[in-house]
Amino acid sequence: MTSVSLLMASGNGPSECHQAVALALSRLESEASEMEVGVTTHCVPSKHGLRSAIIMLDGRSARHLANKW
């Protein structure tokens, strides 16, 4: 089984950046489900979304999914 780690972060951006990280993570999770890739996350929340997310992808298509992102 292949495992891949990803980091999504809003840096020092405004609230819109926190919203973008949350939306991107949601989209990634949807794509992972379609590709039968497991997703484990550790997120740092903010008032408006997520400051960052560490993402572990597991499965045969994990690397392919990570490369798309």
C-alpha atoms as a PDB file:
ATOM      1  CA  MET A   1       0.000   0.000   0.000  1.00  0.00           C
ATOM      2  CA  THR A   2       1.213   3.495  -0.823  1.00  0.00           C
ATOM      3  CA  SER A   3       1.140   6.344   1.692  1.00  0.00           C
ATOM      4  CA  VAL A   4       1.609  10.007   0.836  1.00  0.00           C
ATOM      5  CA  SER A   5       1.685  13.059   3.127  1.00  0.00           C
ATOM      6  CA  LEU A   6       0.399  16.478   2.072  1.00  0.00           C
ATOM      7  CA  LEU A   7       0.229  19.850   3.789  1.00  0.00           C
ATOM      8  CA  MET A   8      -2.388  22.502   3.061  1.00  0.00           C
ATOM      9  CA  ALA A   9      -1.832  25.848   4.755  1.00  0.00           C
ATOM     10  CA  SER A  10      -3.258  29.340   4.611  1.00  0.00           C
ATOM     11  CA  GLY A  11       0.003  30.964   5.704  1.00  0.00           C
ATOM     12  CA  ASN A  12      -0.620  34.417   7.136  1.00  0.00           C
ATOM     13  CA  GLY A  13      -3.545  34.977   4.817  1.00  0.00           C
ATOM     14  CA  PRO A  14      -6.891  36.542   5.691  1.00  0.00           C
ATOM     15  CA  SER A  15     -10.077  34.633   6.527  1.00  0.00           C
ATOM     16  CA  GLU A  16     -10.703  33.903   2.839  1.00  0.00           C
ATOM     17  CA  CYS A  17      -7.525  31.807   2.820  1.00  0.00           C
ATOM     18  CA  HIS A  18      -8.789  29.800   5.814  1.00  0.00           C
ATOM     19  CA  GLN A  19     -12.035  29.172   3.920  1.00  0.00           C
ATOM     20  CA  ALA A  20     -10.074  28.095   0.836  1.00  0.00           C
ATOM     21  CA  VAL A  21      -8.097  25.491   2.820  1.00  0.00           C
ATOM     22  CA  ALA A  22     -11.329  24.045   4.250  1.00  0.00           C
ATOM     23  CA  LEU A  23     -12.956  23.901   0.810  1.00  0.00           C
ATOM     24  CA  ALA A  24      -9.860  22.373  -0.789  1.00  0.00           C
ATOM     25  CA  LEU A  25      -9.674  19.691   1.898  1.00  0.00           C
ATOM     26  CA  SER A  26     -13.344  18.874   1.371  1.00  0.00           C
ATOM     27  CA  ARG A  27     -12.752  18.517  -2.372  1.00  0.00           C
ATOM     28  CA  LEU A  28      -9.681  16.334  -1.817  1.00  0.00           C
ATOM     29  CA  GLU A  29     -11.661  14.085   0.539  1.00  0.00           C
ATOM     30  CA  SER A  30     -14.396  13.698  -2.098  1.00  0.00           C
ATOM     31  CA  GLU A  31     -11.881  12.767  -4.784  1.00  0.00           C
ATOM     32  CA  ALA A  32     -10.177  10.331  -2.407  1.00  0.00           C
ATOM     33  CA  SER A  33     -13.490   8.621  -1.709  1.00  0.00           C
ATOM     34  CA  GLU A  34     -14.149   8.216  -5.434  1.00  0.00           C
ATOM     35  CA  MET A  35     -10.665   6.711  -5.895  1.00  0.00           C
ATOM     36  CA  GLU A  36     -10.926   4.466  -2.811  1.00  0.00           C
ATOM     37  CA  VAL A  37      -8.021   6.257  -1.122  1.00  0.00           C
ATOM     38  CA  GLY A  38      -8.043   6.499   2.657  1.00  0.00           C
ATOM     39  CA  VAL A  39      -7.646   9.944   4.203  1.00  0.00           C
ATOM     40  CA  THR A  40      -6.416  10.807   7.690  1.00  0.00           C
ATOM     41  CA  THR A  41      -6.154  14.470   8.678  1.00  0.00           C
ATOM     42  CA  HIS A  42      -4.864  16.618  11.490  1.00  0.00           C
ATOM     43  CA  CYS A  43      -6.333  20.109  11.152  1.00  0.00           C
ATOM     44  CA  VAL A  44      -5.714  23.441  12.863  1.00  0.00           C
ATOM     45  CA  PRO A  45      -9.078  25.202  12.829  1.00  0.00           C
ATOM     46  CA  SER A  46      -9.740  28.919  12.756  1.00  0.00           C
ATOM     47  CA  LYS A  47     -12.874  30.995  13.182  1.00  0.00           C
ATOM     48  CA  HIS A  48     -13.416  31.033   9.397  1.00  0.00           C
ATOM     49  CA  GLY A  49     -12.149  27.619   8.265  1.00  0.00           C
ATOM     50  CA  LEU A  50      -8.772  25.928   8.631  1.00  0.00           C
ATOM     51  CA  ARG A  51      -5.354  27.438   9.184  1.00  0.00           C
ATOM     52  CA  SER A  52      -3.731  24.219   8.016  1.00  0.00           C
ATOM     53  CA  ALA A  53      -4.229  20.511   7.481  1.00  0.00           C
ATOM     54  CA  ILE A  54      -1.749  17.651   7.463  1.00  0.00           C
ATOM     55  CA  ILE A  55      -3.163  14.947   5.239  1.00  0.00           C
ATOM     56  CA  MET A  56      -2.167  11.292   4.933  1.00  0.00           C
ATOM     57  CA  LEU A  57      -3.400   9.467   1.857  1.00  0.00           C
ATOM     58  CA  ASP A  58      -3.333   5.656   1.858  1.00  0.00           C
ATOM     59  CA  GLY A  59      -4.102   3.275  -0.974  1.00  0.00           C
ATOM     60  CA  ARG A  60      -3.057   2.114  -4.406  1.00  0.00           C
ATOM     61  CA  SER A  61      -4.038   5.442  -5.995  1.00  0.00           C
ATOM     62  CA  ALA A  62      -2.670   7.698  -3.220  1.00  0.00           C
ATOM     63  CA  ARG A  63       0.316   8.924  -5.220  1.00  0.00           C
ATOM     64  CA  HIS A  64      -1.819   9.592  -8.304  1.00  0.00           C
ATOM     65  CA  LEU A  65      -4.274  11.634  -6.237  1.00  0.00           C
ATOM     66  CA  ALA A  66      -1.465  13.569  -4.544  1.00  0.00           C
ATOM     67  CA  ASN A  67       0.105  14.364  -7.925  1.00  0.00           C
ATOM     68  CA  LYS A  68      -3.213  15.839  -9.108  1.00  0.00           C
ATOM     69  CA  TRP A  69      -3.049  18.253  -6.184  1.00  0.00           C
END
